[in-house]
Amino acid sequence: MRLRKITLFMIKKGTRIATLLVALCLLSFLLISYSPIDPVQAYVGADMMRVGPEQREKIAEHWGINKPPVEQFLRWAGAVFRGDLGTSMIYRRPVIEVIKERFLGSLALMGAAWLFSGMIGFILGITAAMKQGTWVDRAIKWYCLTLASTPTFWVGLLLLIIFAVWLGWFPVGLGVPIGILAQDVTLGSYIKHLILPAFTLSILGVANVALHTRQKLLEVLSSDYVLFARARGEQGFLLLWRHGLRNIALPAITLQFTSFSELFGGAVLAEQVFSYPGLGQTTVQAGLRGDVPLLLGIVIFSALFVFTGNLMADLIYQIIDPRIRQGGAV
């Protein structure tokens, strides 16, 4: 019975992601097709004046962009079903190789930001709830509400000006030092270039987890069984450990996994500000230069990335929360 429920659950999720991918690809393709960007001009770049009409036609024919939009989309979709995402017009390499290489650069950035934002947000939420009504609670709420309405690029520019330009503690940008061979770059150099963009994403991701954890813990602390525990003399960290932590940990973890979309969107802006060579910066370049195969490949990958986070959140609920396991709902 349990295996059957899990199978139905996975089939339902698979159908949803398949439908979502088709809709996203179709919408993205339509937006690119009707955008004012000329793919041939973006492909040629600075040599546009040297390229004649016949060469333009040959370039368009080579990339298949001289066909009607419907035919282009069907041709691309057929290649995707065969496992071929096409060739990037910017990098002149298979799209899947470009995404793999650039995502590895973004993985450290998003992973560090995701981990630290969850931990810091959880701690701040607990602290605010335990200090409800005090200046500590008001300061944490002000901090979270301010961050929730602050653009990522503005925070990144502010940190860049203060810590890189004025103080000189960190490099201004890029993922590695300029003028050093790849094999000579040390782990410390990678980490030094990673700190500012990761810190930017971390402090912005704190708000949702902190506010949600605070509200959830306040509900737990006002419940009957906690009031009974207080009457028995339990208070402080012991009360939190015995009666509050289990009830607030699962929602916080789930919220953190469902924040993959915000994490990916924030990485796009942060990488652009810090010139960090990751998938976010590649997304901007593909959009500005009309690289249709690469942009559609990133759309597919980002959708799968966000879907993986939501799926992991659902599975965690299935594994940890006994009420769902015993209730028969998947």
Protein backbone atom coordinates (compact mmCIF):
# COMPACT_ATOMS: atom_id res chain seq x y z
CA MET A 1 0.00 0.00 0.00
CA ARG A 2 2.81 2.38 0.92
CA LEU A 3 4.69 1.62 -2.31
CA ARG A 4 1.54 2.23 -4.33
CA LYS A 5 1.03 5.65 -2.72
CA ILE A 6 4.61 6.66 -3.40
CA THR A 7 4.31 5.50 -7.02
CA LEU A 8 1.14 7.53 -7.53
CA PHE A 9 2.82 10.50 -5.87
CA MET A 10 5.80 10.32 -8.24
CA ILE A 11 3.56 9.90 -11.30
CA LYS A 12 1.56 12.96 -10.26
CA LYS A 13 4.72 15.01 -9.74
CA GLY A 14 6.21 13.80 -13.03
CA THR A 15 3.07 14.83 -14.92
CA ARG A 16 3.18 18.27 -13.34
CA ILE A 17 6.81 18.93 -14.21
CA ALA A 18 6.33 17.66 -17.78
CA THR A 19 3.37 20.02 -18.28
CA LEU A 20 5.28 22.88 -16.69
CA LEU A 21 8.33 22.33 -18.90
CA VAL A 22 6.25 22.33 -22.09
CA ALA A 23 4.48 25.56 -21.07
CA LEU A 24 7.72 27.28 -20.02
CA CYS A 25 9.56 26.32 -23.19
CA LEU A 26 6.69 27.44 -25.42
CA LEU A 27 6.30 30.77 -23.61
CA SER A 28 10.05 31.41 -23.58
CA PHE A 29 10.36 30.59 -27.27
CA LEU A 30 7.52 32.95 -28.15
CA LEU A 31 9.06 35.78 -26.12
CA ILE A 32 12.44 35.28 -27.79
CA SER A 33 10.92 35.02 -31.27
CA TYR A 34 9.15 38.38 -30.91
CA SER A 35 11.99 40.18 -29.14
CA PRO A 36 13.79 43.02 -30.98
CA ILE A 37 17.15 41.22 -30.69
CA ASP A 38 18.58 39.98 -33.98
CA PRO A 39 20.28 36.59 -33.32
CA VAL A 40 22.48 36.90 -36.41
CA GLN A 41 23.73 40.33 -35.35
CA ALA A 42 24.32 39.09 -31.80
CA TYR A 43 26.16 36.07 -33.20
CA VAL A 44 28.45 38.12 -35.47
CA GLY A 45 29.04 40.89 -32.94
CA ALA A 46 31.61 43.55 -33.83
CA ASP A 47 32.18 42.08 -37.31
CA MET A 48 28.65 42.97 -38.41
CA MET A 49 29.86 45.59 -40.90
CA ARG A 50 31.98 42.99 -42.70
CA VAL A 51 29.14 40.50 -43.12
CA GLY A 52 27.09 40.81 -46.30
CA PRO A 53 23.48 39.78 -46.93
CA GLU A 54 24.49 36.39 -48.40
CA GLN A 55 26.59 35.57 -45.37
CA ARG A 56 23.75 36.60 -43.08
CA GLU A 57 21.44 34.22 -44.91
CA LYS A 58 23.93 31.38 -44.60
CA ILE A 59 24.34 32.02 -40.88
CA ALA A 60 20.57 32.09 -40.39
CA GLU A 61 20.22 28.88 -42.42
CA HIS A 62 22.97 27.17 -40.41
CA TRP A 63 21.24 27.93 -37.10
CA GLY A 64 17.75 27.34 -38.50
CA ILE A 65 16.50 30.83 -37.59
CA ASN A 66 15.32 31.53 -41.13
CA LYS A 67 12.40 29.14 -40.62
CA PRO A 68 8.96 30.11 -39.24
CA PRO A 69 8.82 30.19 -35.41
CA VAL A 70 6.53 27.14 -35.24
CA GLU A 71 8.89 25.05 -37.34
CA GLN A 72 11.87 26.23 -35.28
CA PHE A 73 10.16 25.23 -32.04
CA LEU A 74 9.09 21.80 -33.30
CA ARG A 75 12.58 21.14 -34.62
CA TRP A 76 14.12 22.13 -31.31
CA ALA A 77 11.57 20.11 -29.30
CA GLY A 78 12.28 17.02 -31.39
CA ALA A 79 16.00 17.36 -30.68
CA VAL A 80 15.31 17.76 -26.95
CA PHE A 81 13.32 14.51 -26.88
CA ARG A 82 16.40 12.84 -28.36
CA GLY A 83 18.55 14.30 -25.57
CA ASP A 84 20.11 17.09 -27.63
CA LEU A 85 19.66 20.62 -26.28
CA GLY A 86 21.45 22.10 -29.27
CA THR A 87 24.59 24.22 -29.63
CA SER A 88 25.13 27.58 -28.00
CA MET A 89 25.46 30.45 -30.47
CA ILE A 90 27.68 32.38 -28.04
CA TYR A 91 30.07 29.69 -26.84
CA ARG A 92 29.90 27.46 -29.98
CA ARG A 93 29.64 24.43 -27.70
CA PRO A 94 26.84 22.00 -26.79
CA VAL A 95 24.33 23.66 -24.48
CA ILE A 96 24.46 20.85 -21.95
CA GLU A 97 28.24 21.29 -21.57
CA VAL A 98 27.90 25.04 -21.03
CA ILE A 99 25.17 24.58 -18.41
CA LYS A 100 27.15 21.89 -16.61
CA GLU A 101 30.31 23.99 -16.50
CA ARG A 102 28.58 27.19 -15.40
CA PHE A 103 26.33 25.46 -12.86
CA LEU A 104 29.38 24.02 -11.09
CA GLY A 105 30.52 27.62 -10.65
CA SER A 106 27.13 28.63 -9.24
CA LEU A 107 26.75 25.54 -7.06
CA ALA A 108 29.26 26.72 -4.45
CA LEU A 109 27.67 30.18 -4.41
CA MET A 110 24.07 28.99 -4.08
CA GLY A 111 24.99 26.15 -1.72
CA ALA A 112 26.80 28.42 0.73
CA ALA A 113 24.06 31.05 0.58
CA TRP A 114 21.31 28.43 1.02
CA LEU A 115 23.00 26.84 4.03
CA PHE A 116 23.87 30.04 5.88
CA SER A 117 20.55 31.78 5.19
CA GLY A 118 18.66 28.79 6.61
CA MET A 119 20.79 28.54 9.73
CA ILE A 120 20.88 32.26 10.45
CA GLY A 121 17.17 32.70 9.67
CA PHE A 122 16.22 29.81 11.96
CA ILE A 123 18.31 31.18 14.84
CA LEU A 124 16.97 34.72 14.41
CA GLY A 125 13.39 33.45 14.28
CA ILE A 126 13.82 31.51 17.51
CA THR A 127 15.51 34.46 19.20
CA ALA A 128 12.74 36.87 18.16
CA ALA A 129 9.99 34.55 19.41
CA MET A 130 11.70 33.85 22.75
CA LYS A 131 12.24 37.62 23.21
CA GLN A 132 8.76 38.63 22.03
CA GLY A 133 7.94 42.28 22.64
CA THR A 134 11.50 43.28 23.54
CA TRP A 135 13.89 45.46 21.56
CA VAL A 136 15.58 42.30 20.28
CA ASP A 137 12.32 41.11 18.71
CA ARG A 138 11.63 44.51 17.17
CA ALA A 139 15.17 44.77 15.79
CA ILE A 140 15.00 41.33 14.16
CA LYS A 141 11.59 42.06 12.63
CA TRP A 142 12.79 45.40 11.30
CA TYR A 143 15.87 43.73 9.84
CA CYS A 144 13.84 40.99 8.14
CA LEU A 145 11.13 43.28 6.77
CA THR A 146 13.76 45.66 5.43
CA LEU A 147 15.62 42.86 3.68
CA ALA A 148 12.42 41.39 2.26
CA SER A 149 11.85 44.62 0.30
CA THR A 150 15.48 45.21 -0.71
CA PRO A 151 16.64 44.35 -4.28
CA THR A 152 19.51 41.88 -4.54
CA PHE A 153 21.56 44.03 -6.90
CA TRP A 154 21.34 47.05 -4.54
CA VAL A 155 22.63 45.04 -1.58
CA GLY A 156 25.38 43.58 -3.76
CA LEU A 157 26.49 47.02 -4.95
CA LEU A 158 26.45 48.35 -1.39
CA LEU A 159 28.60 45.49 -0.08
CA LEU A 160 30.89 45.83 -3.09
CA ILE A 161 31.47 49.53 -2.43
CA ILE A 162 32.07 49.09 1.30
CA PHE A 163 34.10 45.88 1.56
CA ALA A 164 35.83 45.78 -1.84
CA VAL A 165 36.35 49.41 -2.84
CA TRP A 166 36.59 51.33 0.44
CA LEU A 167 38.07 48.73 2.79
CA GLY A 168 39.75 46.53 0.19
CA TRP A 169 39.08 43.34 2.16
CA PHE A 170 37.73 41.39 -0.82
CA PRO A 171 38.26 41.45 -4.60
CA VAL A 172 35.96 43.64 -6.67
CA GLY A 173 34.62 40.76 -8.74
CA LEU A 174 35.18 37.63 -10.82
CA GLY A 175 35.56 34.09 -9.51
CA VAL A 176 39.37 33.89 -9.58
CA PRO A 177 42.26 36.40 -9.57
CA ILE A 178 43.11 38.04 -12.89
CA GLY A 179 46.29 36.92 -14.65
CA ILE A 180 46.69 33.59 -12.82
CA LEU A 181 46.52 30.23 -14.57
CA ALA A 182 43.67 27.93 -13.55
CA GLN A 183 46.04 25.31 -12.12
CA ASP A 184 47.73 27.95 -9.95
CA VAL A 185 44.56 29.24 -8.30
CA THR A 186 44.38 28.17 -4.65
CA LEU A 187 41.33 27.18 -2.64
CA GLY A 188 41.75 30.32 -0.55
CA SER A 189 41.45 32.49 -3.66
CA TYR A 190 38.23 30.74 -4.67
CA ILE A 191 36.77 31.26 -1.21
CA LYS A 192 37.85 34.92 -1.08
CA HIS A 193 36.05 35.63 -4.36
CA LEU A 194 33.01 33.69 -3.17
CA ILE A 195 32.43 35.43 0.17
CA LEU A 196 30.81 38.69 -0.97
CA PRO A 197 28.29 37.24 -3.48
CA ALA A 198 27.45 34.38 -1.09
CA PHE A 199 27.00 36.83 1.78
CA THR A 200 24.71 38.95 -0.40
CA LEU A 201 22.43 35.99 -1.11
CA SER A 202 22.58 34.80 2.51
CA ILE A 203 21.41 38.00 4.18
CA LEU A 204 18.57 38.35 1.68
CA GLY A 205 17.41 34.76 2.19
CA VAL A 206 17.22 35.14 5.96
CA ALA A 207 13.95 37.11 6.10
CA ASN A 208 11.41 34.44 5.08
CA VAL A 209 12.82 31.71 7.31
CA ALA A 210 13.22 34.03 10.30
CA LEU A 211 9.70 35.53 10.13
CA HIS A 212 8.06 32.16 9.49
CA THR A 213 9.98 30.49 12.34
CA ARG A 214 9.12 33.32 14.72
CA GLN A 215 5.40 33.10 13.97
CA LYS A 216 5.37 29.30 14.22
CA LEU A 217 7.21 29.31 17.53
CA LEU A 218 4.84 31.93 18.96
CA GLU A 219 1.92 29.64 18.11
CA VAL A 220 3.67 26.73 19.80
CA LEU A 221 4.50 28.76 22.91
CA SER A 222 0.85 29.80 23.28
CA SER A 223 -0.44 26.20 23.03
CA ASP A 224 -1.97 24.34 25.96
CA TYR A 225 0.80 21.76 26.35
CA VAL A 226 3.47 24.48 26.54
CA LEU A 227 1.42 26.37 29.13
CA PHE A 228 1.23 23.15 31.12
CA ALA A 229 5.00 22.70 30.78
CA ARG A 230 5.52 26.25 32.04
CA ALA A 231 3.32 25.46 35.04
CA ARG A 232 5.63 22.55 35.84
CA GLY A 233 8.59 24.93 35.93
CA GLU A 234 10.07 24.42 32.46
CA GLN A 235 11.40 27.56 30.80
CA GLY A 236 14.07 28.95 28.53
CA PHE A 237 16.14 26.63 26.36
CA LEU A 238 14.80 23.47 28.05
CA LEU A 239 11.24 24.41 27.13
CA LEU A 240 12.28 25.18 23.57
CA TRP A 241 14.22 21.92 23.22
CA ARG A 242 11.47 19.67 24.55
CA HIS A 243 8.36 21.24 23.08
CA GLY A 244 9.19 23.86 20.46
CA LEU A 245 12.11 22.71 18.33
CA ARG A 246 10.41 19.68 16.77
CA ASN A 247 7.34 21.68 15.78
CA ILE A 248 9.21 24.52 14.09
CA ALA A 249 12.11 22.64 12.48
CA LEU A 250 10.08 20.82 9.82
CA PRO A 251 8.25 23.92 8.47
CA ALA A 252 11.54 25.85 8.40
CA ILE A 253 13.33 23.07 6.49
CA THR A 254 10.44 22.79 4.04
CA LEU A 255 10.38 26.55 3.47
CA GLN A 256 14.11 26.51 2.86
CA PHE A 257 13.84 23.81 0.20
CA THR A 258 10.98 25.61 -1.54
CA SER A 259 13.13 28.75 -1.77
CA PHE A 260 15.20 27.31 -4.64
CA SER A 261 13.43 29.61 -7.11
CA GLU A 262 14.31 32.71 -5.11
CA LEU A 263 17.85 31.42 -4.69
CA PHE A 264 18.30 30.94 -8.43
CA GLY A 265 16.78 34.34 -9.23
CA GLY A 266 18.96 36.05 -6.64
CA ALA A 267 22.05 34.29 -8.02
CA VAL A 268 21.36 35.76 -11.46
CA LEU A 269 21.50 39.31 -10.09
CA ALA A 270 24.36 38.66 -7.65
CA GLU A 271 26.55 37.07 -10.31
CA GLN A 272 25.88 39.98 -12.62
CA VAL A 273 26.87 42.53 -9.97
CA PHE A 274 30.04 40.68 -8.93
CA SER A 275 30.87 39.41 -12.47
CA TYR A 276 30.88 35.93 -10.99
CA PRO A 277 31.22 33.27 -13.73
CA GLY A 278 28.16 31.16 -13.04
CA LEU A 279 24.89 30.10 -14.57
CA GLY A 280 23.19 33.37 -13.62
CA GLN A 281 25.59 35.49 -15.62
CA THR A 282 25.28 33.04 -18.53
CA THR A 283 21.49 33.48 -18.43
CA VAL A 284 21.83 37.24 -18.81
CA GLN A 285 24.26 36.89 -21.71
CA ALA A 286 22.03 34.37 -23.48
CA GLY A 287 19.04 36.69 -23.17
CA LEU A 288 20.83 39.84 -24.31
CA ARG A 289 22.50 38.14 -27.28
CA GLY A 290 19.54 36.09 -28.45
CA ASP A 291 21.14 32.68 -27.86
CA VAL A 292 17.89 30.71 -28.20
CA PRO A 293 19.27 27.17 -27.64
CA LEU A 294 21.21 28.17 -24.53
CA LEU A 295 18.38 30.24 -23.09
CA LEU A 296 15.83 27.45 -23.56
CA GLY A 297 18.27 24.95 -22.08
CA ILE A 298 18.65 27.16 -19.00
CA VAL A 299 14.85 27.44 -18.76
CA ILE A 300 14.58 23.64 -18.65
CA PHE A 301 17.42 23.32 -16.15
CA SER A 302 16.12 26.05 -13.83
CA ALA A 303 12.63 24.52 -13.84
CA LEU A 304 14.08 21.13 -12.91
CA PHE A 305 16.23 22.80 -10.24
CA VAL A 306 13.22 24.46 -8.59
CA PHE A 307 11.12 21.31 -8.98
CA THR A 308 13.84 19.29 -7.22
CA GLY A 309 13.69 21.62 -4.24
CA ASN A 310 9.90 21.33 -3.98
CA LEU A 311 10.08 17.55 -4.39
CA MET A 312 12.68 17.24 -1.64
CA ALA A 313 10.48 19.34 0.65
CA ASP A 314 7.52 17.01 0.01
CA LEU A 315 9.64 13.92 0.60
CA ILE A 316 10.98 15.33 3.86
CA TYR A 317 7.41 15.80 5.04
CA GLN A 318 6.65 12.21 4.07
CA ILE A 319 9.65 10.86 5.97
CA ILE A 320 9.73 13.05 9.09
CA ASP A 321 6.10 13.97 9.81
CA PRO A 322 4.23 10.91 11.17
CA ARG A 323 0.84 12.61 10.72
CA ILE A 324 1.22 12.49 6.92
CA ARG A 325 2.52 8.91 6.94
CA GLN A 326 -0.42 7.69 9.01
CA GLY A 327 -3.08 9.94 7.50
CA GLY A 328 -3.04 8.28 4.11
CA ALA A 329 -2.43 11.50 2.19
CA VAL A 330 0.63 11.80 0.03
